[in-house]
């Protein structure tokens, strides 16, 4: 498995990538606040943010298809949450506003995450005095998410090599078993890692 599939474009050379991580984080936070804070932002403001993001995406040299894939993955969650506004008075305008705000914020986060190596993001968080426990948890999560992804692929391959049917209900049963086994293995691995770190003086 390629171990750069989460942030494979974070180390390419572009005008956006060459900017300091702290500057990119501050700019991303500013864009999100400008988008989210106004309860009824004017269309001109949202359109300006969208145009600015398009310019930054073009300057970052990250393929637009990559952003589209990430948006298609997360957009159903945004639509589900925003749909709750439809049950309120004048719900449809609120629904549209929530979807636009959330989508622009999501694009901003995707751009930041893929234009900045993760270790630089952690350095910025330490620099602004984010609690060290939280930063450590983020670092461990980033490190071991690849291990869990590898484990998942191995388990799926093992199941597929022993399963010859293609019935849909059978597929869901096997998937639920894989998820359960992965949870158990992840818990056991976490306990072993914690014991090893504690044995080396980590607190």
N, C-alpha and C. Protein backbone atom coordinates (compact mmCIF):
# COMPACT_ATOMS: atom_id res chain seq x y z
N UNK A 1 0.84 -1.20 0.00
CA UNK A 1 0.00 0.00 0.00
C UNK A 1 0.87 1.25 0.00
N UNK A 2 0.47 2.24 -0.75
CA UNK A 2 1.16 3.52 -0.71
C UNK A 2 0.83 4.23 0.60
N UNK A 3 1.86 4.64 1.34
CA UNK A 3 1.64 5.25 2.64
C UNK A 3 1.55 6.77 2.55
N UNK A 4 1.29 7.29 1.34
CA UNK A 4 1.09 8.72 1.20
C UNK A 4 -0.28 9.03 0.61
N UNK A 5 -1.20 8.05 0.70
CA UNK A 5 -2.49 8.25 0.04
C UNK A 5 -3.36 9.24 0.79
N UNK A 6 -3.08 9.52 2.06
CA UNK A 6 -3.86 10.51 2.79
C UNK A 6 -3.43 11.93 2.44
N UNK A 7 -2.13 12.13 2.27
CA UNK A 7 -1.62 13.48 1.99
C UNK A 7 -0.54 13.41 0.93
N UNK A 8 -0.84 12.71 -0.15
CA UNK A 8 0.18 12.46 -1.17
C UNK A 8 0.65 13.73 -1.86
N UNK A 9 -0.13 14.82 -1.77
CA UNK A 9 0.24 16.05 -2.46
C UNK A 9 0.80 17.10 -1.50
N UNK A 10 1.07 16.72 -0.26
CA UNK A 10 1.50 17.72 0.72
C UNK A 10 2.97 18.13 0.56
N UNK A 11 3.72 17.40 -0.25
CA UNK A 11 5.15 17.70 -0.38
C UNK A 11 5.55 18.10 -1.80
N UNK A 12 4.58 18.39 -2.65
CA UNK A 12 4.93 18.86 -3.98
C UNK A 12 5.36 20.31 -3.91
N UNK A 13 5.98 20.80 -4.97
CA UNK A 13 6.49 22.16 -5.00
C UNK A 13 5.49 23.08 -5.70
N UNK A 14 5.02 24.07 -4.99
CA UNK A 14 4.09 25.04 -5.56
C UNK A 14 4.17 26.32 -4.74
N UNK A 15 3.67 27.44 -5.27
CA UNK A 15 3.67 28.69 -4.48
C UNK A 15 2.94 28.55 -3.15
N UNK A 16 1.89 27.74 -3.11
CA UNK A 16 1.14 27.56 -1.87
C UNK A 16 1.94 26.70 -0.89
N UNK A 17 2.55 25.63 -1.38
CA UNK A 17 3.30 24.73 -0.51
C UNK A 17 4.52 25.42 0.11
N UNK A 18 5.08 26.41 -0.59
CA UNK A 18 6.29 27.06 -0.10
C UNK A 18 6.02 28.08 1.00
N UNK A 19 4.79 28.43 1.21
CA UNK A 19 4.47 29.39 2.27
C UNK A 19 4.64 28.73 3.64
N UNK A 20 4.99 29.52 4.67
CA UNK A 20 5.15 28.95 6.02
C UNK A 20 3.85 28.31 6.52
N UNK A 21 4.00 27.23 7.27
CA UNK A 21 2.82 26.51 7.76
C UNK A 21 1.96 27.39 8.66
N UNK A 22 2.59 28.22 9.49
CA UNK A 22 1.82 29.09 10.39
C UNK A 22 0.98 30.08 9.59
N UNK A 23 1.54 30.61 8.51
CA UNK A 23 0.80 31.55 7.68
C UNK A 23 -0.40 30.86 7.03
N UNK A 24 -0.18 29.65 6.53
CA UNK A 24 -1.29 28.92 5.89
C UNK A 24 -2.38 28.58 6.90
N UNK A 25 -1.97 28.19 8.09
CA UNK A 25 -2.97 27.87 9.12
C UNK A 25 -3.77 29.10 9.51
N UNK A 26 -3.10 30.24 9.67
CA UNK A 26 -3.79 31.47 10.03
C UNK A 26 -4.74 31.91 8.91
N UNK A 27 -4.28 31.79 7.66
CA UNK A 27 -5.14 32.16 6.53
C UNK A 27 -6.36 31.25 6.44
N UNK A 28 -6.15 29.94 6.67
CA UNK A 28 -7.27 29.00 6.63
C UNK A 28 -8.28 29.31 7.73
N UNK A 29 -7.77 29.60 8.92
CA UNK A 29 -8.67 29.94 10.03
C UNK A 29 -9.44 31.23 9.72
N UNK A 30 -8.75 32.20 9.14
CA UNK A 30 -9.43 33.45 8.78
C UNK A 30 -10.52 33.24 7.75
N UNK A 31 -10.25 32.41 6.73
CA UNK A 31 -11.26 32.13 5.71
C UNK A 31 -12.48 31.44 6.32
N UNK A 32 -12.21 30.48 7.21
CA UNK A 32 -13.32 29.76 7.83
C UNK A 32 -14.16 30.70 8.69
N UNK A 33 -13.50 31.56 9.47
CA UNK A 33 -14.25 32.49 10.31
C UNK A 33 -15.07 33.47 9.47
N UNK A 34 -14.48 33.98 8.40
CA UNK A 34 -15.21 34.90 7.53
C UNK A 34 -16.42 34.22 6.91
N UNK A 35 -16.29 32.93 6.64
CA UNK A 35 -17.39 32.19 6.01
C UNK A 35 -18.47 31.80 7.01
N UNK A 36 -18.06 31.39 8.21
CA UNK A 36 -19.00 30.76 9.15
C UNK A 36 -19.64 31.76 10.11
N UNK A 37 -18.88 32.75 10.57
CA UNK A 37 -19.37 33.62 11.64
C UNK A 37 -20.60 34.43 11.25
N UNK A 38 -20.63 35.11 10.08
CA UNK A 38 -21.84 35.89 9.75
C UNK A 38 -23.07 34.99 9.63
N UNK A 39 -24.14 35.27 10.36
CA UNK A 39 -25.33 34.41 10.28
C UNK A 39 -25.99 34.42 8.90
N UNK A 40 -25.94 35.58 8.25
CA UNK A 40 -26.52 35.70 6.91
C UNK A 40 -25.51 36.37 5.99
N UNK A 41 -24.48 35.66 5.60
CA UNK A 41 -23.43 36.29 4.78
C UNK A 41 -23.96 36.66 3.40
N UNK A 42 -23.53 37.79 2.88
CA UNK A 42 -23.98 38.18 1.53
C UNK A 42 -23.42 37.22 0.47
N UNK A 43 -24.13 37.11 -0.60
CA UNK A 43 -23.70 36.22 -1.68
C UNK A 43 -22.33 36.63 -2.21
N UNK A 44 -22.08 37.93 -2.24
CA UNK A 44 -20.79 38.42 -2.74
C UNK A 44 -19.64 37.88 -1.90
N UNK A 45 -19.84 37.83 -0.59
CA UNK A 45 -18.78 37.34 0.30
C UNK A 45 -18.49 35.87 0.04
N UNK A 46 -19.55 35.04 -0.03
CA UNK A 46 -19.36 33.61 -0.28
C UNK A 46 -18.74 33.38 -1.66
N UNK A 47 -19.18 34.16 -2.64
CA UNK A 47 -18.61 34.01 -3.98
C UNK A 47 -17.14 34.40 -3.99
N UNK A 48 -16.78 35.43 -3.24
CA UNK A 48 -15.38 35.85 -3.18
C UNK A 48 -14.51 34.78 -2.54
N UNK A 49 -15.00 34.17 -1.47
CA UNK A 49 -14.26 33.08 -0.83
C UNK A 49 -14.10 31.91 -1.79
N UNK A 50 -15.16 31.57 -2.52
CA UNK A 50 -15.09 30.46 -3.47
C UNK A 50 -14.07 30.73 -4.57
N UNK A 51 -14.07 31.96 -5.09
CA UNK A 51 -13.10 32.32 -6.15
C UNK A 51 -11.68 32.26 -5.61
N UNK A 52 -11.47 32.77 -4.40
CA UNK A 52 -10.14 32.74 -3.79
C UNK A 52 -9.66 31.31 -3.60
N UNK A 53 -10.56 30.42 -3.16
CA UNK A 53 -10.18 29.01 -3.00
C UNK A 53 -9.83 28.37 -4.33
N UNK A 54 -10.58 28.70 -5.37
CA UNK A 54 -10.27 28.16 -6.70
C UNK A 54 -8.89 28.62 -7.17
N UNK A 55 -8.56 29.88 -6.91
CA UNK A 55 -7.25 30.40 -7.28
C UNK A 55 -6.15 29.67 -6.52
N UNK A 56 -6.35 29.46 -5.21
CA UNK A 56 -5.36 28.78 -4.40
C UNK A 56 -5.20 27.32 -4.82
N UNK A 57 -6.31 26.67 -5.17
CA UNK A 57 -6.23 25.28 -5.64
C UNK A 57 -5.43 25.20 -6.94
N UNK A 58 -5.68 26.14 -7.84
CA UNK A 58 -4.92 26.16 -9.09
C UNK A 58 -3.44 26.43 -8.82
N UNK A 59 -3.15 27.33 -7.88
CA UNK A 59 -1.76 27.64 -7.57
C UNK A 59 -1.06 26.51 -6.84
N UNK A 60 -1.82 25.69 -6.13
CA UNK A 60 -1.21 24.59 -5.36
C UNK A 60 -0.81 23.40 -6.23
N UNK A 61 -1.31 23.36 -7.48
CA UNK A 61 -1.00 22.28 -8.42
C UNK A 61 -1.50 20.92 -7.95
N UNK A 62 -2.45 20.93 -7.04
CA UNK A 62 -3.10 19.68 -6.62
C UNK A 62 -4.21 19.39 -7.62
N UNK A 63 -4.30 18.17 -8.15
CA UNK A 63 -5.33 17.88 -9.16
C UNK A 63 -6.73 18.18 -8.65
N UNK A 64 -7.55 18.88 -9.43
CA UNK A 64 -8.93 19.15 -9.00
C UNK A 64 -9.73 17.89 -8.74
N UNK A 65 -9.39 16.81 -9.45
CA UNK A 65 -10.11 15.54 -9.24
C UNK A 65 -9.94 15.07 -7.79
N UNK A 66 -8.76 15.32 -7.22
CA UNK A 66 -8.50 14.93 -5.83
C UNK A 66 -9.46 15.65 -4.89
N UNK A 67 -9.64 16.96 -5.09
CA UNK A 67 -10.58 17.71 -4.26
C UNK A 67 -12.01 17.21 -4.47
N UNK A 68 -12.34 16.91 -5.71
CA UNK A 68 -13.70 16.43 -5.99
C UNK A 68 -13.97 15.11 -5.28
N UNK A 69 -12.99 14.20 -5.29
CA UNK A 69 -13.17 12.93 -4.59
C UNK A 69 -13.37 13.13 -3.10
N UNK A 70 -12.57 14.02 -2.50
CA UNK A 70 -12.72 14.28 -1.07
C UNK A 70 -14.08 14.91 -0.77
N UNK A 71 -14.51 15.83 -1.62
CA UNK A 71 -15.81 16.47 -1.41
C UNK A 71 -16.95 15.46 -1.51
N UNK A 72 -16.87 14.59 -2.51
CA UNK A 72 -17.92 13.58 -2.67
C UNK A 72 -17.97 12.63 -1.49
N UNK A 73 -16.83 12.44 -0.84
CA UNK A 73 -16.80 11.55 0.33
C UNK A 73 -17.46 12.21 1.55
N UNK A 74 -17.19 13.50 1.77
CA UNK A 74 -17.68 14.18 2.97
C UNK A 74 -19.01 14.89 2.78
N UNK A 75 -19.38 15.19 1.53
CA UNK A 75 -20.59 15.98 1.30
C UNK A 75 -21.85 15.32 1.83
N UNK A 76 -22.03 13.99 1.75
CA UNK A 76 -23.24 13.40 2.33
C UNK A 76 -23.42 13.72 3.81
N UNK A 77 -22.33 13.79 4.58
CA UNK A 77 -22.44 14.14 6.00
C UNK A 77 -22.92 15.58 6.15
N UNK A 78 -22.41 16.47 5.30
CA UNK A 78 -22.83 17.87 5.35
C UNK A 78 -24.31 17.98 5.00
N UNK A 79 -24.74 17.29 3.96
CA UNK A 79 -26.15 17.36 3.54
C UNK A 79 -27.07 16.79 4.61
N UNK A 80 -26.62 15.73 5.27
CA UNK A 80 -27.45 15.12 6.32
C UNK A 80 -27.67 16.08 7.48
N UNK A 81 -26.60 16.73 7.92
CA UNK A 81 -26.71 17.67 9.05
C UNK A 81 -27.50 18.90 8.63
N UNK A 82 -27.22 19.43 7.44
CA UNK A 82 -27.91 20.64 6.98
C UNK A 82 -29.39 20.39 6.74
N UNK A 83 -29.77 19.15 6.44
CA UNK A 83 -31.17 18.84 6.17
C UNK A 83 -32.05 19.08 7.39
N UNK A 84 -31.46 19.12 8.58
CA UNK A 84 -32.25 19.40 9.78
C UNK A 84 -32.84 20.81 9.73
N UNK A 85 -32.19 21.71 9.00
CA UNK A 85 -32.71 23.07 8.90
C UNK A 85 -34.01 23.13 8.10
N UNK A 86 -34.29 22.11 7.29
CA UNK A 86 -35.51 22.10 6.49
C UNK A 86 -36.76 22.00 7.35
N UNK A 87 -36.61 21.55 8.60
CA UNK A 87 -37.76 21.41 9.50
C UNK A 87 -38.04 22.69 10.27
N UNK A 88 -37.26 23.75 10.02
CA UNK A 88 -37.47 25.03 10.68
C UNK A 88 -38.21 25.98 9.74
N UNK A 89 -38.79 27.04 10.30
CA UNK A 89 -39.42 28.05 9.43
C UNK A 89 -38.38 28.66 8.48
N UNK A 90 -38.79 28.88 7.24
CA UNK A 90 -37.86 29.36 6.20
C UNK A 90 -36.63 28.47 6.16
N UNK A 91 -36.91 27.18 6.13
CA UNK A 91 -35.82 26.20 6.25
C UNK A 91 -34.94 26.09 5.02
N UNK A 92 -35.51 26.27 3.84
CA UNK A 92 -34.71 26.03 2.64
C UNK A 92 -33.55 27.03 2.50
N UNK A 93 -33.77 28.35 2.70
CA UNK A 93 -32.62 29.27 2.66
C UNK A 93 -31.55 28.92 3.69
N UNK A 94 -31.98 28.50 4.88
CA UNK A 94 -31.01 28.10 5.90
C UNK A 94 -30.25 26.86 5.46
N UNK A 95 -30.95 25.93 4.84
CA UNK A 95 -30.31 24.71 4.34
C UNK A 95 -29.23 25.04 3.31
N UNK A 96 -29.56 25.89 2.36
CA UNK A 96 -28.60 26.27 1.32
C UNK A 96 -27.40 26.98 1.94
N UNK A 97 -27.66 27.89 2.89
CA UNK A 97 -26.57 28.63 3.53
C UNK A 97 -25.64 27.68 4.28
N UNK A 98 -26.20 26.73 5.01
CA UNK A 98 -25.39 25.77 5.75
C UNK A 98 -24.54 24.92 4.81
N UNK A 99 -25.14 24.47 3.72
CA UNK A 99 -24.40 23.64 2.77
C UNK A 99 -23.24 24.42 2.15
N UNK A 100 -23.51 25.65 1.74
CA UNK A 100 -22.46 26.47 1.11
C UNK A 100 -21.34 26.77 2.12
N UNK A 101 -21.72 27.20 3.33
CA UNK A 101 -20.71 27.50 4.35
C UNK A 101 -19.86 26.27 4.67
N UNK A 102 -20.52 25.14 4.89
CA UNK A 102 -19.80 23.92 5.26
C UNK A 102 -18.90 23.45 4.13
N UNK A 103 -19.39 23.54 2.90
CA UNK A 103 -18.58 23.09 1.76
C UNK A 103 -17.34 23.95 1.59
N UNK A 104 -17.50 25.27 1.70
CA UNK A 104 -16.34 26.16 1.59
C UNK A 104 -15.34 25.91 2.71
N UNK A 105 -15.84 25.69 3.92
CA UNK A 105 -14.95 25.40 5.05
C UNK A 105 -14.23 24.07 4.83
N UNK A 106 -14.95 23.09 4.31
CA UNK A 106 -14.34 21.79 4.05
C UNK A 106 -13.24 21.90 2.99
N UNK A 107 -13.51 22.64 1.94
CA UNK A 107 -12.48 22.83 0.90
C UNK A 107 -11.25 23.52 1.50
N UNK A 108 -11.46 24.48 2.38
CA UNK A 108 -10.34 25.16 3.03
C UNK A 108 -9.49 24.18 3.84
N UNK A 109 -10.15 23.31 4.61
CA UNK A 109 -9.42 22.34 5.43
C UNK A 109 -8.69 21.33 4.55
N UNK A 110 -9.33 20.86 3.47
CA UNK A 110 -8.68 19.91 2.56
C UNK A 110 -7.44 20.55 1.93
N UNK A 111 -7.57 21.82 1.53
CA UNK A 111 -6.43 22.50 0.93
C UNK A 111 -5.30 22.66 1.92
N UNK A 112 -5.61 23.04 3.15
CA UNK A 112 -4.58 23.19 4.18
C UNK A 112 -3.90 21.86 4.46
N UNK A 113 -4.69 20.81 4.60
CA UNK A 113 -4.13 19.50 4.94
C UNK A 113 -3.25 18.94 3.83
N UNK A 114 -3.55 19.29 2.58
CA UNK A 114 -2.79 18.73 1.46
C UNK A 114 -1.78 19.71 0.88
N UNK A 115 -1.64 20.87 1.49
CA UNK A 115 -0.60 21.80 1.10
C UNK A 115 0.43 21.98 2.21
N UNK A 116 0.27 21.20 3.30
CA UNK A 116 1.15 21.32 4.44
C UNK A 116 1.46 19.92 4.99
N UNK A 117 2.73 19.52 5.04
CA UNK A 117 3.06 18.23 5.67
C UNK A 117 2.54 18.18 7.11
N UNK A 118 2.13 16.99 7.54
CA UNK A 118 1.46 16.88 8.84
C UNK A 118 2.38 17.27 9.99
N UNK A 119 3.68 16.98 9.87
CA UNK A 119 4.58 17.33 10.98
C UNK A 119 4.68 18.84 11.14
N UNK A 120 4.49 19.60 10.05
CA UNK A 120 4.49 21.05 10.17
C UNK A 120 3.22 21.55 10.84
N UNK A 121 2.10 20.87 10.57
CA UNK A 121 0.86 21.21 11.27
C UNK A 121 1.02 21.00 12.77
N UNK A 122 1.65 19.88 13.16
CA UNK A 122 1.88 19.62 14.58
C UNK A 122 2.80 20.68 15.18
N UNK A 123 3.80 21.13 14.41
CA UNK A 123 4.70 22.17 14.91
C UNK A 123 3.95 23.47 15.16
N UNK A 124 3.01 23.79 14.28
CA UNK A 124 2.21 24.99 14.47
C UNK A 124 1.35 24.87 15.73
N UNK A 125 0.75 23.69 15.92
CA UNK A 125 -0.08 23.49 17.10
C UNK A 125 0.73 23.63 18.39
N UNK A 126 1.96 23.10 18.37
CA UNK A 126 2.82 23.27 19.55
C UNK A 126 3.17 24.74 19.74
N UNK A 127 3.38 25.44 18.63
CA UNK A 127 3.76 26.84 18.72
C UNK A 127 2.69 27.73 19.32
N UNK A 128 1.43 27.36 19.13
CA UNK A 128 0.33 28.16 19.71
C UNK A 128 -0.14 27.57 21.04
N UNK A 129 0.69 26.66 21.58
CA UNK A 129 0.49 26.11 22.93
C UNK A 129 -0.80 25.29 23.05
N UNK A 130 -1.09 24.53 22.01
CA UNK A 130 -2.16 23.53 22.13
C UNK A 130 -1.69 22.47 23.13
N UNK A 131 -2.57 21.97 24.01
CA UNK A 131 -2.13 20.97 25.00
C UNK A 131 -1.33 19.83 24.37
N UNK A 132 -0.21 19.50 25.00
CA UNK A 132 0.70 18.52 24.44
C UNK A 132 0.05 17.15 24.29
N UNK A 133 -0.89 16.83 25.19
CA UNK A 133 -1.57 15.53 25.09
C UNK A 133 -2.35 15.44 23.77
N UNK A 134 -3.02 16.53 23.42
CA UNK A 134 -3.79 16.55 22.18
C UNK A 134 -2.87 16.42 20.96
N UNK A 135 -1.74 17.13 20.97
CA UNK A 135 -0.79 17.05 19.86
C UNK A 135 -0.22 15.65 19.75
N UNK A 136 0.09 15.03 20.88
CA UNK A 136 0.62 13.66 20.87
C UNK A 136 -0.41 12.69 20.32
N UNK A 137 -1.67 12.86 20.70
CA UNK A 137 -2.72 12.00 20.18
C UNK A 137 -2.86 12.13 18.67
N UNK A 138 -2.77 13.37 18.17
CA UNK A 138 -2.83 13.58 16.72
C UNK A 138 -1.66 12.89 16.02
N UNK A 139 -0.46 13.01 16.60
CA UNK A 139 0.71 12.39 15.99
C UNK A 139 0.58 10.88 15.97
N UNK A 140 0.11 10.30 17.06
CA UNK A 140 -0.08 8.84 17.11
C UNK A 140 -1.17 8.39 16.15
N UNK A 141 -2.25 9.16 16.08
CA UNK A 141 -3.33 8.81 15.15
C UNK A 141 -2.83 8.80 13.71
N UNK A 142 -2.05 9.83 13.36
CA UNK A 142 -1.52 9.92 11.99
C UNK A 142 -0.57 8.76 11.71
N UNK A 143 0.23 8.41 12.71
CA UNK A 143 1.19 7.32 12.51
C UNK A 143 0.51 5.98 12.33
N UNK A 144 -0.49 5.70 13.14
CA UNK A 144 -1.04 4.35 13.16
C UNK A 144 -2.26 4.18 12.25
N UNK A 145 -2.75 5.26 11.66
CA UNK A 145 -3.86 5.08 10.72
C UNK A 145 -3.41 4.28 9.50
N UNK A 146 -2.12 4.41 9.14
CA UNK A 146 -1.60 3.63 8.02
C UNK A 146 -1.48 2.16 8.41
N UNK A 147 -1.11 1.90 9.65
CA UNK A 147 -1.02 0.52 10.13
C UNK A 147 -2.40 -0.13 10.10
N UNK A 148 -3.42 0.59 10.55
CA UNK A 148 -4.77 0.04 10.54
C UNK A 148 -5.28 -0.17 9.12
N UNK A 149 -4.93 0.75 8.21
CA UNK A 149 -5.34 0.59 6.82
C UNK A 149 -4.70 -0.65 6.20
N UNK A 150 -3.42 -0.87 6.49
CA UNK A 150 -2.74 -2.08 6.01
C UNK A 150 -3.40 -3.33 6.58
N UNK A 151 -3.71 -3.28 7.87
CA UNK A 151 -4.36 -4.42 8.52
C UNK A 151 -5.71 -4.72 7.88
N UNK A 152 -6.47 -3.67 7.57
CA UNK A 152 -7.76 -3.85 6.93
C UNK A 152 -7.63 -4.50 5.57
N UNK A 153 -6.67 -4.06 4.78
CA UNK A 153 -6.48 -4.65 3.46
C UNK A 153 -6.07 -6.11 3.54
N UNK A 154 -5.20 -6.43 4.49
CA UNK A 154 -4.80 -7.84 4.65
C UNK A 154 -5.98 -8.71 5.04
N UNK A 155 -6.82 -8.21 5.94
CA UNK A 155 -7.99 -8.98 6.37
C UNK A 155 -8.97 -9.16 5.22
N UNK A 156 -9.17 -8.12 4.40
CA UNK A 156 -10.08 -8.23 3.26
C UNK A 156 -9.56 -9.23 2.24
N UNK A 157 -8.26 -9.19 1.98
CA UNK A 157 -7.69 -10.14 1.03
C UNK A 157 -7.83 -11.56 1.54
N UNK A 158 -7.59 -11.76 2.84
CA UNK A 158 -7.72 -13.09 3.41
C UNK A 158 -9.15 -13.59 3.31
N UNK A 159 -10.13 -12.72 3.56
CA UNK A 159 -11.53 -13.11 3.45
C UNK A 159 -11.91 -13.41 2.00
N UNK A 160 -11.46 -12.57 1.09
CA UNK A 160 -11.81 -12.78 -0.32
C UNK A 160 -11.21 -14.06 -0.87
N UNK A 161 -10.03 -14.44 -0.39
CA UNK A 161 -9.41 -15.66 -0.88
C UNK A 161 -10.11 -16.91 -0.36
N UNK A 162 -10.93 -16.74 0.67
CA UNK A 162 -11.65 -17.88 1.25
C UNK A 162 -13.15 -17.83 0.95
N UNK A 163 -13.58 -16.81 0.20
CA UNK A 163 -15.00 -16.64 -0.08
C UNK A 163 -15.20 -16.60 -1.60
N UNK A 164 -16.10 -17.42 -2.09
CA UNK A 164 -16.30 -17.52 -3.53
C UNK A 164 -17.67 -17.01 -3.97
N UNK A 165 -18.56 -16.74 -3.03
CA UNK A 165 -19.87 -16.22 -3.38
C UNK A 165 -19.85 -14.72 -3.56
N UNK A 166 -20.82 -14.20 -4.29
CA UNK A 166 -20.92 -12.76 -4.52
C UNK A 166 -22.27 -12.20 -4.07
N UNK A 167 -22.97 -12.92 -3.19
CA UNK A 167 -24.26 -12.42 -2.73
C UNK A 167 -24.06 -11.17 -1.88
N UNK A 168 -24.94 -10.19 -2.08
CA UNK A 168 -24.78 -8.91 -1.39
C UNK A 168 -24.88 -9.08 0.12
N UNK A 169 -25.83 -9.91 0.58
CA UNK A 169 -25.96 -10.07 2.03
C UNK A 169 -24.73 -10.72 2.63
N UNK A 170 -24.11 -11.61 1.86
CA UNK A 170 -22.88 -12.24 2.33
C UNK A 170 -21.75 -11.22 2.45
N UNK A 171 -21.70 -10.29 1.53
CA UNK A 171 -20.68 -9.25 1.56
C UNK A 171 -20.81 -8.38 2.81
N UNK A 172 -22.06 -8.01 3.14
CA UNK A 172 -22.27 -7.18 4.33
C UNK A 172 -21.90 -7.94 5.60
N UNK A 173 -22.21 -9.22 5.65
CA UNK A 173 -21.86 -10.03 6.83
C UNK A 173 -20.34 -10.06 7.01
N UNK A 174 -19.62 -10.30 5.91
CA UNK A 174 -18.16 -10.36 5.98
C UNK A 174 -17.59 -9.00 6.38
N UNK A 175 -18.18 -7.92 5.85
CA UNK A 175 -17.68 -6.59 6.19
C UNK A 175 -17.87 -6.29 7.66
N UNK A 176 -19.01 -6.69 8.22
CA UNK A 176 -19.24 -6.45 9.65
C UNK A 176 -18.25 -7.24 10.50
N UNK A 177 -17.92 -8.45 10.06
CA UNK A 177 -16.93 -9.25 10.79
C UNK A 177 -15.55 -8.61 10.73
N UNK A 178 -15.20 -8.09 9.57
CA UNK A 178 -13.89 -7.43 9.43
C UNK A 178 -13.81 -6.21 10.34
N UNK A 179 -14.88 -5.43 10.40
CA UNK A 179 -14.89 -4.24 11.26
C UNK A 179 -14.74 -4.65 12.72
N UNK A 180 -15.46 -5.71 13.13
CA UNK A 180 -15.35 -6.17 14.52
C UNK A 180 -13.96 -6.67 14.85
N UNK A 181 -13.37 -7.46 13.95
CA UNK A 181 -12.02 -7.96 14.19
C UNK A 181 -10.99 -6.83 14.20
N UNK A 182 -11.21 -5.85 13.32
CA UNK A 182 -10.27 -4.72 13.28
C UNK A 182 -10.34 -3.92 14.58
N UNK A 183 -11.54 -3.76 15.13
CA UNK A 183 -11.68 -3.06 16.41
C UNK A 183 -10.93 -3.79 17.52
N UNK A 184 -11.09 -5.12 17.57
CA UNK A 184 -10.40 -5.90 18.60
C UNK A 184 -8.89 -5.82 18.44
N UNK A 185 -8.42 -5.97 17.20
CA UNK A 185 -6.97 -5.91 16.97
C UNK A 185 -6.42 -4.52 17.27
N UNK A 186 -7.19 -3.48 16.96
CA UNK A 186 -6.74 -2.12 17.24
C UNK A 186 -6.63 -1.89 18.73
N UNK A 187 -7.61 -2.40 19.50
CA UNK A 187 -7.56 -2.25 20.95
C UNK A 187 -6.36 -2.97 21.55
N UNK A 188 -6.13 -4.19 21.08
CA UNK A 188 -4.98 -4.95 21.58
C UNK A 188 -3.67 -4.27 21.22
N UNK A 189 -3.58 -3.76 19.98
CA UNK A 189 -2.36 -3.08 19.57
C UNK A 189 -2.14 -1.81 20.40
N UNK A 190 -3.21 -1.07 20.66
CA UNK A 190 -3.08 0.16 21.46
C UNK A 190 -2.57 -0.16 22.86
N UNK A 191 -3.07 -1.25 23.45
CA UNK A 191 -2.61 -1.63 24.78
C UNK A 191 -1.13 -2.02 24.77
N UNK A 192 -0.70 -2.74 23.72
CA UNK A 192 0.71 -3.12 23.64
C UNK A 192 1.59 -1.90 23.44
N UNK A 193 1.14 -0.97 22.60
CA UNK A 193 1.93 0.24 22.36
C UNK A 193 2.03 1.08 23.64
N UNK A 194 0.91 1.20 24.35
CA UNK A 194 0.93 1.98 25.59
C UNK A 194 1.87 1.34 26.62
N UNK A 195 1.83 0.00 26.72
CA UNK A 195 2.71 -0.68 27.67
C UNK A 195 4.18 -0.48 27.29
N UNK A 196 4.47 -0.54 25.99
CA UNK A 196 5.86 -0.35 25.54
C UNK A 196 6.33 1.08 25.81
N UNK A 197 5.45 2.06 25.56
CA UNK A 197 5.83 3.45 25.80
C UNK A 197 6.00 3.72 27.30
N UNK A 198 5.12 3.15 28.12
CA UNK A 198 5.25 3.33 29.57
C UNK A 198 6.54 2.71 30.09
N UNK A 199 6.92 1.55 29.53
CA UNK A 199 8.15 0.90 29.94
C UNK A 199 9.37 1.73 29.60
N UNK A 200 9.24 2.64 28.65
CA UNK A 200 10.36 3.51 28.25
C UNK A 200 10.27 4.90 28.89
N UNK A 201 9.39 5.03 29.89
CA UNK A 201 9.34 6.27 30.64
C UNK A 201 8.39 7.31 30.12
N UNK A 202 7.52 6.95 29.16
CA UNK A 202 6.59 7.94 28.61
C UNK A 202 5.47 8.19 29.60
N UNK A 203 5.08 9.45 29.75
CA UNK A 203 3.98 9.83 30.65
C UNK A 203 3.05 10.74 29.89
